PDB file of N, CA and C in Angstrom:
ATOM      1  N   GLN A   1       6.864  75.467  53.816  1.00  0.00           N
ATOM      2  CA  GLN A   1       6.781  76.523  54.058  1.00  0.00           C
ATOM      3  C   GLN A   1       7.970  77.173  54.055  1.00  0.00           C
ATOM      4  N   VAL A   2       8.180  78.278  53.112  1.00  0.00           N
ATOM      5  CA  VAL A   2       9.411  78.707  52.891  1.00  0.00           C
ATOM      6  C   VAL A   2       9.681  79.931  53.981  1.00  0.00           C
ATOM      7  N   GLN A   3      11.028  80.009  54.674  1.00  0.00           N
ATOM      8  CA  GLN A   3      11.394  80.855  55.760  1.00  0.00           C
ATOM      9  C   GLN A   3      12.792  81.344  55.396  1.00  0.00           C
ATOM     10  N   LEU A   4      12.884  82.331  55.736  1.00  0.00           N
ATOM     11  CA  LEU A   4      14.256  83.078  55.518  1.00  0.00           C
ATOM     12  C   LEU A   4      14.566  83.899  56.984  1.00  0.00           C
ATOM     13  N   VAL A   5      15.900  83.435  57.189  1.00  0.00           N
ATOM     14  CA  VAL A   5      16.010  83.845  58.618  1.00  0.00           C
ATOM     15  C   VAL A   5      17.666  84.662  58.505  1.00  0.00           C
ATOM     16  N   GLU A   6      17.202  85.935  58.696  1.00  0.00           N
ATOM     17  CA  GLU A   6      18.634  86.896  58.824  1.00  0.00           C
ATOM     18  C   GLU A   6      19.555  86.811  60.057  1.00  0.00           C
ATOM     19  N   SER A   7      20.740  86.976  60.012  1.00  0.00           N
ATOM     20  CA  SER A   7      21.634  87.305  61.476  1.00  0.00           C
ATOM     21  C   SER A   7      22.604  88.379  60.735  1.00  0.00           C
ATOM     22  N   GLY A   8      23.344  88.482  61.924  1.00  0.00           N
ATOM     23  CA  GLY A   8      24.364  89.482  61.856  1.00  0.00           C
ATOM     24  C   GLY A   8      24.512  90.784  61.584  1.00  0.00           C
ATOM     25  N   GLY A   9      23.406  91.263  61.916  1.00  0.00           N
ATOM     26  CA  GLY A   9      23.353  92.765  62.051  1.00  0.00           C
ATOM     27  C   GLY A   9      23.741  93.376  63.339  1.00  0.00           C
ATOM     28  N   GLY A  10      23.941  94.673  63.620  1.00  0.00           N
ATOM     29  CA  GLY A  10      24.069  95.338  64.826  1.00  0.00           C
ATOM     30  C   GLY A  10      24.691  96.635  64.552  1.00  0.00           C
ATOM     31  N   LEU A  11      25.548  96.947  65.568  1.00  0.00           N
ATOM     32  CA  LEU A  11      25.914  98.302  65.672  1.00  0.00           C
ATOM     33  C   LEU A  11      27.580  98.544  65.730  1.00  0.00           C
ATOM     34  N   VAL A  12      27.852  99.199  64.420  1.00  0.00           N
ATOM     35  CA  VAL A  12      29.174  99.064  64.141  1.00  0.00           C
ATOM     36  C   VAL A  12      29.735 100.659  63.881  1.00  0.00           C
ATOM     37  N   GLN A  13      30.965 101.069  64.121  1.00  0.00           N
ATOM     38  CA  GLN A  13      31.410 102.352  63.943  1.00  0.00           C
ATOM     39  C   GLN A  13      31.938 102.466  62.382  1.00  0.00           C
ATOM     40  N   PRO A  14      31.953 103.894  62.046  1.00  0.00           N
ATOM     41  CA  PRO A  14      31.963 104.099  60.569  1.00  0.00           C
ATOM     42  C   PRO A  14      33.467 103.304  60.105  1.00  0.00           C
ATOM     43  N   GLY A  15      33.494 102.958  59.056  1.00  0.00           N
ATOM     44  CA  GLY A  15      34.869 102.503  58.575  1.00  0.00           C
ATOM     45  C   GLY A  15      35.040 100.832  59.045  1.00  0.00           C
ATOM     46  N   GLY A  16      33.903 100.259  60.076  1.00  0.00           N
ATOM     47  CA  GLY A  16      34.033  99.053  60.203  1.00  0.00           C
ATOM     48  C   GLY A  16      33.413  97.895  59.244  1.00  0.00           C
ATOM     49  N   SER A  17      33.246  96.667  59.602  1.00  0.00           N
ATOM     50  CA  SER A  17      32.808  95.637  58.984  1.00  0.00           C
ATOM     51  C   SER A  17      31.793  94.966  59.566  1.00  0.00           C
ATOM     52  N   LEU A  18      30.661  94.403  58.737  1.00  0.00           N
ATOM     53  CA  LEU A  18      29.835  93.356  59.276  1.00  0.00           C
ATOM     54  C   LEU A  18      29.480  92.429  58.179  1.00  0.00           C
ATOM     55  N   ARG A  19      29.020  90.924  58.685  1.00  0.00           N
ATOM     56  CA  ARG A  19      28.568  90.171  57.793  1.00  0.00           C
ATOM     57  C   ARG A  19      27.323  89.631  58.171  1.00  0.00           C
ATOM     58  N   LEU A  20      26.474  89.682  57.264  1.00  0.00           N
ATOM     59  CA  LEU A  20      25.151  89.282  57.109  1.00  0.00           C
ATOM     60  C   LEU A  20      25.024  87.885  56.706  1.00  0.00           C
ATOM     61  N   SER A  21      24.217  87.011  57.367  1.00  0.00           N
ATOM     62  CA  SER A  21      23.780  85.830  56.818  1.00  0.00           C
ATOM     63  C   SER A  21      22.419  85.503  56.787  1.00  0.00           C
ATOM     64  N   CYS A  22      21.942  84.675  55.635  1.00  0.00           N
ATOM     65  CA  CYS A  22      20.659  84.339  55.647  1.00  0.00           C
ATOM     66  C   CYS A  22      20.507  82.944  55.359  1.00  0.00           C
ATOM     67  N   THR A  23      19.831  82.366  55.987  1.00  0.00           N
ATOM     68  CA  THR A  23      19.405  80.874  55.707  1.00  0.00           C
ATOM     69  C   THR A  23      17.927  80.789  55.556  1.00  0.00           C
ATOM     70  N   VAL A  24      17.650  79.696  54.436  1.00  0.00           N
ATOM     71  CA  VAL A  24      16.622  79.591  53.853  1.00  0.00           C
ATOM     72  C   VAL A  24      16.410  78.258  54.036  1.00  0.00           C
ATOM     73  N   SER A  25      14.925  78.058  54.756  1.00  0.00           N
ATOM     74  CA  SER A  25      14.442  76.818  54.794  1.00  0.00           C
ATOM     75  C   SER A  25      13.284  76.379  54.098  1.00  0.00           C
ATOM     76  N   GLY A  26      12.668  75.058  54.291  1.00  0.00           N
ATOM     77  CA  GLY A  26      11.549  74.651  53.832  1.00  0.00           C
ATOM     78  C   GLY A  26      11.286  74.953  52.206  1.00  0.00           C
ATOM     79  N   SER A  27      12.592  74.963  51.542  1.00  0.00           N
ATOM     80  CA  SER A  27      12.369  75.361  49.934  1.00  0.00           C
ATOM     81  C   SER A  27      12.369  73.908  49.149  1.00  0.00           C
ATOM     82  N   SER A  28      11.592  73.515  48.466  1.00  0.00           N
ATOM     83  CA  SER A  28      11.493  72.562  48.061  1.00  0.00           C
ATOM     84  C   SER A  28      11.485  72.819  46.301  1.00  0.00           C
ATOM     85  N   ALA A  29      11.740  73.921  45.867  1.00  0.00           N
ATOM     86  CA  ALA A  29      11.617  74.114  44.483  1.00  0.00           C
ATOM     87  C   ALA A  29      12.988  74.964  44.125  1.00  0.00           C
ATOM     88  N   SER A  30      13.373  75.460  42.960  1.00  0.00           N
ATOM     89  CA  SER A  30      14.859  76.154  42.521  1.00  0.00           C
ATOM     90  C   SER A  30      14.476  77.131  42.965  1.00  0.00           C
ATOM     91  N   ILE A  31      15.752  77.894  43.521  1.00  0.00           N
ATOM     92  CA  ILE A  31      16.214  79.256  43.798  1.00  0.00           C
ATOM     93  C   ILE A  31      16.614  79.619  42.600  1.00  0.00           C
ATOM     94  N   THR A  32      16.138  80.566  41.957  1.00  0.00           N
ATOM     95  CA  THR A  32      16.758  81.394  40.861  1.00  0.00           C
ATOM     96  C   THR A  32      17.700  82.538  41.286  1.00  0.00           C
ATOM     97  N   LYS A  33      17.364  82.900  42.462  1.00  0.00           N
ATOM     98  CA  LYS A  33      18.140  84.404  42.715  1.00  0.00           C
ATOM     99  C   LYS A  33      18.109  84.446  44.112  1.00  0.00           C
ATOM    100  N   MET A  34      19.036  85.182  44.904  1.00  0.00           N
ATOM    101  CA  MET A  34      18.924  85.248  46.177  1.00  0.00           C
ATOM    102  C   MET A  34      20.112  86.546  46.497  1.00  0.00           C
ATOM    103  N   GLY A  35      19.413  87.459  47.396  1.00  0.00           N
ATOM    104  CA  GLY A  35      19.966  88.983  47.182  1.00  0.00           C
ATOM    105  C   GLY A  35      19.886  89.726  49.009  1.00  0.00           C
ATOM    106  N   TRP A  36      19.949  90.680  48.867  1.00  0.00           N
ATOM    107  CA  TRP A  36      19.943  91.470  49.851  1.00  0.00           C
ATOM    108  C   TRP A  36      19.191  93.070  49.633  1.00  0.00           C
ATOM    109  N   HIS A  37      18.322  93.398  49.873  1.00  0.00           N
ATOM    110  CA  HIS A  37      17.831  94.908  49.933  1.00  0.00           C
ATOM    111  C   HIS A  37      17.830  95.477  51.153  1.00  0.00           C
ATOM    112  N   ARG A  38      17.809  96.818  51.485  1.00  0.00           N
ATOM    113  CA  ARG A  38      17.668  97.483  52.821  1.00  0.00           C
ATOM    114  C   ARG A  38      16.571  98.629  52.666  1.00  0.00           C
ATOM    115  N   GLN A  39      16.288  98.895  53.605  1.00  0.00           N
ATOM    116  CA  GLN A  39      15.157 100.134  53.551  1.00  0.00           C
ATOM    117  C   GLN A  39      15.691 101.024  55.154  1.00  0.00           C
ATOM    118  N   ALA A  40      15.982 102.309  54.698  1.00  0.00           N
ATOM    119  CA  ALA A  40      16.575 103.165  55.874  1.00  0.00           C
ATOM    120  C   ALA A  40      15.165 103.962  56.280  1.00  0.00           C
ATOM    121  N   PRO A  41      15.106 104.514  57.261  1.00  0.00           N
ATOM    122  CA  PRO A  41      13.686 105.109  57.783  1.00  0.00           C
ATOM    123  C   PRO A  41      13.370 106.070  56.511  1.00  0.00           C
ATOM    124  N   GLY A  42      12.126 106.441  56.373  1.00  0.00           N
ATOM    125  CA  GLY A  42      11.941 107.368  55.398  1.00  0.00           C
ATOM    126  C   GLY A  42      11.978 107.278  54.168  1.00  0.00           C
ATOM    127  N   LYS A  43      12.845 106.121  53.484  1.00  0.00           N
ATOM    128  CA  LYS A  43      13.353 105.963  52.177  1.00  0.00           C
ATOM    129  C   LYS A  43      12.717 104.542  51.601  1.00  0.00           C
ATOM    130  N   GLU A  44      12.596 104.659  50.650  1.00  0.00           N
ATOM    131  CA  GLU A  44      12.168 103.182  49.941  1.00  0.00           C
ATOM    132  C   GLU A  44      13.149 102.215  49.939  1.00  0.00           C
ATOM    133  N   ARG A  45      12.909 100.766  49.888  1.00  0.00           N
ATOM    134  CA  ARG A  45      13.524  99.780  49.601  1.00  0.00           C
ATOM    135  C   ARG A  45      14.623  99.662  48.604  1.00  0.00           C
ATOM    136  N   GLU A  46      15.603  99.553  48.896  1.00  0.00           N
ATOM    137  CA  GLU A  46      16.687  99.806  47.466  1.00  0.00           C
ATOM    138  C   GLU A  46      17.394  98.138  47.381  1.00  0.00           C
ATOM    139  N   LEU A  47      17.982  97.955  46.310  1.00  0.00           N
ATOM    140  CA  LEU A  47      18.859  96.725  45.693  1.00  0.00           C
ATOM    141  C   LEU A  47      19.944  97.254  46.983  1.00  0.00           C
ATOM    142  N   VAL A  48      20.767  96.160  47.129  1.00  0.00           N
ATOM    143  CA  VAL A  48      22.081  96.151  47.594  1.00  0.00           C
ATOM    144  C   VAL A  48      22.758  95.172  46.958  1.00  0.00           C
ATOM    145  N   ALA A  49      22.504  93.609  46.717  1.00  0.00           N
ATOM    146  CA  ALA A  49      23.231  92.881  46.020  1.00  0.00           C
ATOM    147  C   ALA A  49      22.312  91.775  45.699  1.00  0.00           C
ATOM    148  N   GLN A  50      22.332  91.208  44.664  1.00  0.00           N
ATOM    149  CA  GLN A  50      21.652  89.896  44.324  1.00  0.00           C
ATOM    150  C   GLN A  50      23.041  89.051  43.569  1.00  0.00           C
ATOM    151  N   ILE A  51      22.427  87.799  43.855  1.00  0.00           N
ATOM    152  CA  ILE A  51      23.341  86.671  43.120  1.00  0.00           C
ATOM    153  C   ILE A  51      22.660  85.640  42.294  1.00  0.00           C
ATOM    154  N   ASN A  52      22.750  85.371  41.117  1.00  0.00           N
ATOM    155  CA  ASN A  52      21.801  84.454  40.374  1.00  0.00           C
ATOM    156  C   ASN A  52      22.131  82.736  40.677  1.00  0.00           C
ATOM    157  N   ILE A  53      21.688  81.851  39.824  1.00  0.00           N
ATOM    158  CA  ILE A  53      22.105  80.384  40.172  1.00  0.00           C
ATOM    159  C   ILE A  53      23.140  79.953  39.607  1.00  0.00           C
ATOM    160  N   ILE A  54      23.698  80.774  38.461  1.00  0.00           N
ATOM    161  CA  ILE A  54      25.046  80.979  37.900  1.00  0.00           C
ATOM    162  C   ILE A  54      26.257  81.714  38.461  1.00  0.00           C
ATOM    163  N   GLY A  55      25.865  82.453  39.670  1.00  0.00           N
ATOM    164  CA  GLY A  55      26.738  83.067  40.367  1.00  0.00           C
ATOM    165  C   GLY A  55      27.049  84.300  39.807  1.00  0.00           C
ATOM    166  N   ASP A  56      26.333  84.764  38.859  1.00  0.00           N
ATOM    167  CA  ASP A  56      26.233  86.265  38.436  1.00  0.00           C
ATOM    168  C   ASP A  56      25.855  87.293  39.638  1.00  0.00           C
ATOM    169  N   THR A  57      26.664  88.483  39.883  1.00  0.00           N
ATOM    170  CA  THR A  57      26.289  89.622  40.760  1.00  0.00           C
ATOM    171  C   THR A  57      25.503  90.686  40.318  1.00  0.00           C
ATOM    172  N   GLU A  58      25.024  91.205  40.921  1.00  0.00           N
ATOM    173  CA  GLU A  58      24.659  92.688  40.850  1.00  0.00           C
ATOM    174  C   GLU A  58      24.617  93.601  42.055  1.00  0.00           C
ATOM    175  N   TYR A  59      25.084  94.804  41.837  1.00  0.00           N
ATOM    176  CA  TYR A  59      25.242  95.517  43.183  1.00  0.00           C
ATOM    177  C   TYR A  59      24.360  96.823  42.917  1.00  0.00           C
ATOM    178  N   GLY A  60      23.980  97.343  43.926  1.00  0.00           N
ATOM    179  CA  GLY A  60      23.474  98.625  44.049  1.00  0.00           C
ATOM    180  C   GLY A  60      24.663  99.617  44.086  1.00  0.00           C
ATOM    181  N   ASP A  61      24.292 100.925  43.492  1.00  0.00           N
ATOM    182  CA  ASP A  61      25.458 101.595  43.431  1.00  0.00           C
ATOM    183  C   ASP A  61      25.947 101.871  44.515  1.00  0.00           C
ATOM    184  N   SER A  62      25.242 102.292  45.833  1.00  0.00           N
ATOM    185  CA  SER A  62      25.855 102.111  47.178  1.00  0.00           C
ATOM    186  C   SER A  62      26.539 101.008  47.600  1.00  0.00           C
ATOM    187  N   ALA A  63      26.589  99.869  47.303  1.00  0.00           N
ATOM    188  CA  ALA A  63      27.557  98.816  47.596  1.00  0.00           C
ATOM    189  C   ALA A  63      28.565  98.475  46.867  1.00  0.00           C
ATOM    190  N   LYS A  64      28.728  98.917  45.743  1.00  0.00           N
ATOM    191  CA  LYS A  64      29.909  98.802  44.593  1.00  0.00           C
ATOM    192  C   LYS A  64      31.224  98.831  45.198  1.00  0.00           C
ATOM    193  N   GLY A  65      32.066  98.243  45.373  1.00  0.00           N
ATOM    194  CA  GLY A  65      33.165  98.631  45.657  1.00  0.00           C
ATOM    195  C   GLY A  65      33.890  98.078  47.179  1.00  0.00           C
ATOM    196  N   ARG A  66      32.401  98.064  48.152  1.00  0.00           N
ATOM    197  CA  ARG A  66      32.572  97.881  49.592  1.00  0.00           C
ATOM    198  C   ARG A  66      31.902  96.746  50.014  1.00  0.00           C
ATOM    199  N   PHE A  67      31.019  96.251  49.222  1.00  0.00           N
ATOM    200  CA  PHE A  67      30.045  94.956  49.758  1.00  0.00           C
ATOM    201  C   PHE A  67      30.265  93.845  48.619  1.00  0.00           C
ATOM    202  N   THR A  68      30.158  92.860  49.235  1.00  0.00           N
ATOM    203  CA  THR A  68      30.445  91.196  48.549  1.00  0.00           C
ATOM    204  C   THR A  68      29.159  90.557  48.814  1.00  0.00           C
ATOM    205  N   ILE A  69      28.500  90.126  47.876  1.00  0.00           N
ATOM    206  CA  ILE A  69      27.675  89.075  48.284  1.00  0.00           C
ATOM    207  C   ILE A  69      28.219  87.524  47.819  1.00  0.00           C
ATOM    208  N   SER A  70      27.854  86.503  48.321  1.00  0.00           N
ATOM    209  CA  SER A  70      28.351  85.339  48.327  1.00  0.00           C
ATOM    210  C   SER A  70      26.928  84.152  48.649  1.00  0.00           C
ATOM    211  N   ARG A  71      27.164  82.957  48.274  1.00  0.00           N
ATOM    212  CA  ARG A  71      26.377  82.024  48.563  1.00  0.00           C
ATOM    213  C   ARG A  71      26.633  80.692  48.608  1.00  0.00           C
ATOM    214  N   ASN A  72      26.284  79.938  49.404  1.00  0.00           N
ATOM    215  CA  ASN A  72      26.493  78.543  49.524  1.00  0.00           C
ATOM    216  C   ASN A  72      25.052  77.913  49.215  1.00  0.00           C
ATOM    217  N   PRO A  73      24.922  77.616  48.029  1.00  0.00           N
ATOM    218  CA  PRO A  73      23.673  76.943  47.708  1.00  0.00           C
ATOM    219  C   PRO A  73      23.511  75.528  48.115  1.00  0.00           C
ATOM    220  N   ALA A  74      24.326  74.493  48.562  1.00  0.00           N
ATOM    221  CA  ALA A  74      24.212  73.449  49.303  1.00  0.00           C
ATOM    222  C   ALA A  74      23.637  73.721  50.335  1.00  0.00           C
ATOM    223  N   ARG A  75      23.498  74.485  51.004  1.00  0.00           N
ATOM    224  CA  ARG A  75      23.043  74.818  52.326  1.00  0.00           C
ATOM    225  C   ARG A  75      22.088  76.169  52.244  1.00  0.00           C
ATOM    226  N   ASN A  76      21.571  76.401  51.101  1.00  0.00           N
ATOM    227  CA  ASN A  76      20.501  77.337  51.079  1.00  0.00           C
ATOM    228  C   ASN A  76      20.986  78.925  51.790  1.00  0.00           C
ATOM    229  N   LYS A  77      22.378  79.149  51.624  1.00  0.00           N
ATOM    230  CA  LYS A  77      22.650  80.288  52.429  1.00  0.00           C
ATOM    231  C   LYS A  77      23.149  81.245  51.699  1.00  0.00           C
ATOM    232  N   VAL A  78      22.983  82.864  51.839  1.00  0.00           N
ATOM    233  CA  VAL A  78      23.739  83.759  51.292  1.00  0.00           C
ATOM    234  C   VAL A  78      23.856  84.948  52.281  1.00  0.00           C
ATOM    235  N   TYR A  79      25.189  85.588  51.796  1.00  0.00           N
ATOM    236  CA  TYR A  79      25.862  86.245  52.718  1.00  0.00           C
ATOM    237  C   TYR A  79      26.080  87.365  52.067  1.00  0.00           C
ATOM    238  N   LEU A  80      26.364  88.756  53.327  1.00  0.00           N
ATOM    239  CA  LEU A  80      26.563  89.750  52.636  1.00  0.00           C
ATOM    240  C   LEU A  80      27.702  90.439  53.532  1.00  0.00           C
ATOM    241  N   GLN A  81      29.154  90.495  53.014  1.00  0.00           N
ATOM    242  CA  GLN A  81      29.922  91.076  53.468  1.00  0.00           C
ATOM    243  C   GLN A  81      30.208  92.502  53.111  1.00  0.00           C
ATOM    244  N   MET A  82      29.767  93.294  54.224  1.00  0.00           N
ATOM    245  CA  MET A  82      30.145  94.851  54.275  1.00  0.00           C
ATOM    246  C   MET A  82      31.464  95.436  54.877  1.00  0.00           C
ATOM    247  N   ASN A  83      32.174  96.085  54.070  1.00  0.00           N
ATOM    248  CA  ASN A  83      33.199  96.859  54.734  1.00  0.00           C
ATOM    249  C   ASN A  83      32.945  98.223  54.472  1.00  0.00           C
ATOM    250  N   ASP A  84      34.214  98.917  55.057  1.00  0.00           N
ATOM    251  CA  ASP A  84      33.901 100.239  55.090  1.00  0.00           C
ATOM    252  C   ASP A  84      32.648 101.079  55.224  1.00  0.00           C
ATOM    253  N   LEU A  85      32.062 100.735  56.258  1.00  0.00           N
ATOM    254  CA  LEU A  85      30.415 101.025  56.516  1.00  0.00           C
ATOM    255  C   LEU A  85      30.756 102.418  56.662  1.00  0.00           C
ATOM    256  N   LYS A  86      29.395 103.250  56.315  1.00  0.00           N
ATOM    257  CA  LYS A  86      29.424 104.675  56.510  1.00  0.00           C
ATOM    258  C   LYS A  86      27.969 104.729  57.264  1.00  0.00           C
ATOM    259  N   PRO A  87      27.996 105.749  58.069  1.00  0.00           N
ATOM    260  CA  PRO A  87      26.392 105.952  58.586  1.00  0.00           C
ATOM    261  C   PRO A  87      25.435 105.931  57.724  1.00  0.00           C
ATOM    262  N   GLU A  88      25.344 106.382  56.440  1.00  0.00           N
ATOM    263  CA  GLU A  88      24.292 106.209  55.437  1.00  0.00           C
ATOM    264  C   GLU A  88      23.941 104.678  55.167  1.00  0.00           C
ATOM    265  N   ASP A  89      24.495 103.804  55.611  1.00  0.00           N
ATOM    266  CA  ASP A  89      24.607 102.300  55.547  1.00  0.00           C
ATOM    267  C   ASP A  89      23.534 101.851  56.396  1.00  0.00           C
ATOM    268  N   THR A  90      23.100 102.717  57.023  1.00  0.00           N
ATOM    269  CA  THR A  90      22.210 102.211  58.496  1.00  0.00           C
ATOM    270  C   THR A  90      20.758 102.072  57.693  1.00  0.00           C
ATOM    271  N   ALA A  91      20.336 101.187  58.337  1.00  0.00           N
ATOM    272  CA  ALA A  91      19.000 100.672  57.573  1.00  0.00           C
ATOM    273  C   ALA A  91      18.459  99.022  57.848  1.00  0.00           C
ATOM    274  N   VAL A  92      17.645  98.833  57.771  1.00  0.00           N
ATOM    275  CA  VAL A  92      17.086  97.324  58.157  1.00  0.00           C
ATOM    276  C   VAL A  92      17.528  96.672  56.828  1.00  0.00           C
ATOM    277  N   TYR A  93      18.118  95.326  56.903  1.00  0.00           N
ATOM    278  CA  TYR A  93      18.675  94.758  55.870  1.00  0.00           C
ATOM    279  C   TYR A  93      17.902  93.435  55.606  1.00  0.00           C
ATOM    280  N   TYR A  94      17.052  93.089  54.236  1.00  0.00           N
ATOM    281  CA  TYR A  94      16.412  92.127  54.295  1.00  0.00           C
ATOM    282  C   TYR A  94      16.918  91.261  53.229  1.00  0.00           C
ATOM    283  N   CYS A  95      16.840  90.004  53.423  1.00  0.00           N
ATOM    284  CA  CYS A  95      17.538  88.748  52.618  1.00  0.00           C
ATOM    285  C   CYS A  95      15.891  88.424  51.510  1.00  0.00           C
ATOM    286  N   ASN A  96      16.333  88.018  50.210  1.00  0.00           N
ATOM    287  CA  ASN A  96      15.084  88.218  49.648  1.00  0.00           C
ATOM    288  C   ASN A  96      15.884  86.610  48.740  1.00  0.00           C
ATOM    289  N   ILE A  97      14.705  85.945  48.163  1.00  0.00           N
ATOM    290  CA  ILE A  97      15.215  85.084  47.308  1.00  0.00           C
ATOM    291  C   ILE A  97      13.749  84.993  46.432  1.00  0.00           C
ATOM    292  N   VAL A  98      14.124  84.328  45.089  1.00  0.00           N
ATOM    293  CA  VAL A  98      12.923  84.112  44.146  1.00  0.00           C
ATOM    294  C   VAL A  98      13.339  82.843  43.815  1.00  0.00           C
ATOM    295  N   HIS A  99      12.041  82.079  43.888  1.00  0.00           N
ATOM    296  CA  HIS A  99      11.706  80.648  43.629  1.00  0.00           C
ATOM    297  C   HIS A  99      11.175  80.478  42.428  1.00  0.00           C
ATOM    298  N   LYS A 100      11.904  79.584  41.561  1.00  0.00           N
ATOM    299  CA  LYS A 100      10.975  79.088  40.258  1.00  0.00           C
ATOM    300  C   LYS A 100      10.139  77.892  40.779  1.00  0.00           C
ATOM    301  N   TYR A 101       9.010  77.859  40.500  1.00  0.00           N
ATOM    302  CA  TYR A 101       7.921  76.826  40.533  1.00  0.00           C
ATOM    303  C   TYR A 101       7.519  76.374  38.763  1.00  0.00           C
ATOM    304  N   SER A 102       6.641  75.547  38.786  1.00  0.00           N
ATOM    305  CA  SER A 102       6.506  74.952  37.516  1.00  0.00           C
ATOM    306  C   SER A 102       5.929  76.159  36.833  1.00  0.00           C
ATOM    307  N   THR A 103       5.247  77.076  37.219  1.00  0.00           N
ATOM    308  CA  THR A 103       4.620  78.130  35.980  1.00  0.00           C
ATOM    309  C   THR A 103       4.801  79.153  36.597  1.00  0.00           C
ATOM    310  N   SER A 104       5.627  79.690  37.519  1.00  0.00           N
ATOM    311  CA  SER A 104       5.836  81.148  38.122  1.00  0.00           C
ATOM    312  C   SER A 104       6.841  81.009  38.948  1.00  0.00           C
ATOM    313  N   PHE A 105       7.284  82.518  39.132  1.00  0.00           N
ATOM    314  CA  PHE A 105       8.509  82.871  39.786  1.00  0.00           C
ATOM    315  C   PHE A 105       7.896  83.232  41.121  1.00  0.00           C
ATOM    316  N   VAL A 106       8.194  83.169  42.274  1.00  0.00           N
ATOM    317  CA  VAL A 106       7.664  83.738  43.438  1.00  0.00           C
ATOM    318  C   VAL A 106       8.746  84.142  44.385  1.00  0.00           C
ATOM    319  N   PRO A 107       8.616  85.594  44.971  1.00  0.00           N
ATOM    320  CA  PRO A 107       9.619  85.772  45.802  1.00  0.00           C
ATOM    321  C   PRO A 107       9.320  85.756  47.196  1.00  0.00           C
ATOM    322  N   TYR A 108      10.331  85.631  47.826  1.00  0.00           N
ATOM    323  CA  TYR A 108      10.166  85.499  49.865  1.00  0.00           C
ATOM    324  C   TYR A 108      11.115  86.472  50.024  1.00  0.00           C
ATOM    325  N   TRP A 109      10.819  87.074  51.219  1.00  0.00           N
ATOM    326  CA  TRP A 109      11.282  87.899  52.108  1.00  0.00           C
ATOM    327  C   TRP A 109      11.527  87.300  53.579  1.00  0.00           C
ATOM    328  N   GLY A 110      12.947  87.690  54.038  1.00  0.00           N
ATOM    329  CA  GLY A 110      13.083  87.759  55.743  1.00  0.00           C
ATOM    330  C   GLY A 110      12.692  88.616  56.321  1.00  0.00           C
ATOM    331  N   GLN A 111      12.507  88.807  57.675  1.00  0.00           N
ATOM    332  CA  GLN A 111      11.880  89.824  58.505  1.00  0.00           C
ATOM    333  C   GLN A 111      12.881  90.822  58.735  1.00  0.00           C
ATOM    334  N   GLY A 112      14.405  90.607  58.170  1.00  0.00           N
ATOM    335  CA  GLY A 112      14.936  91.994  57.995  1.00  0.00           C
ATOM    336  C   GLY A 112      16.028  91.846  59.445  1.00  0.00           C
ATOM    337  N   THR A 113      17.118  92.279  59.298  1.00  0.00           N
ATOM    338  CA  THR A 113      18.335  92.461  60.505  1.00  0.00           C
ATOM    339  C   THR A 113      18.567  93.981  60.616  1.00  0.00           C
ATOM    340  N   GLN A 114      18.660  94.744  61.437  1.00  0.00           N
ATOM    341  CA  GLN A 114      19.110  96.147  61.548  1.00  0.00           C
ATOM    342  C   GLN A 114      20.859  96.167  61.809  1.00  0.00           C
ATOM    343  N   VAL A 115      21.082  97.274  60.999  1.00  0.00           N
ATOM    344  CA  VAL A 115      22.697  97.580  60.783  1.00  0.00           C
ATOM    345  C   VAL A 115      22.431  98.924  61.125  1.00  0.00           C
ATOM    346  N   ILE A 116      23.257  99.524  62.107  1.00  0.00           N
ATOM    347  CA  ILE A 116      23.381 100.719  62.630  1.00  0.00           C
ATOM    348  C   ILE A 116      24.820 100.941  62.610  1.00  0.00           C
ATOM    349  N   VAL A 117      25.180 102.142  61.785  1.00  0.00           N
ATOM    350  CA  VAL A 117      26.656 102.577  61.709  1.00  0.00           C
ATOM    351  C   VAL A 117      26.782 104.070  62.476  1.00  0.00           C
ATOM    352  N   SER A 118      27.250 103.991  63.099  1.00  0.00           N
ATOM    353  CA  SER A 118      27.158 105.206  64.343  1.00  0.00           C
ATOM    354  C   SER A 118      28.647 105.006  65.140  1.00  0.00           C
ATOM    355  N   SER A 119      29.051 106.367  65.169  1.00  0.00           N
ATOM    356  CA  SER A 119      30.466 106.293  66.129  1.00  0.00           C
ATOM    357  C   SER A 119      29.986 106.851  67.614  1.00  0.00           C
TER     358      SER A 119
END
């Protein structure tokens, strides 16, 4: 059973930083992509950042220049370093992965970690 557990969320003042971590367990197949999405109240879930198996990264517009995604594939971990946080970054942040099985690609999601940016 694949499980994703996020940590590192919390309350931070505008301009501050947080580092989110996600640990994947129960994985026996190939992880092709790891990433972070977020969902603010009343809004759709949106891409924050993702990284594939060769290290290529993709960022949502809101994250460019402020957030950095990284991974430790040997330990099935992915991180999101968030700098210069703004109130509009307030959201639940979800870790996600895509597994390649023999004939399919299957996404998995964590339960989310709350980030609140407020003074």
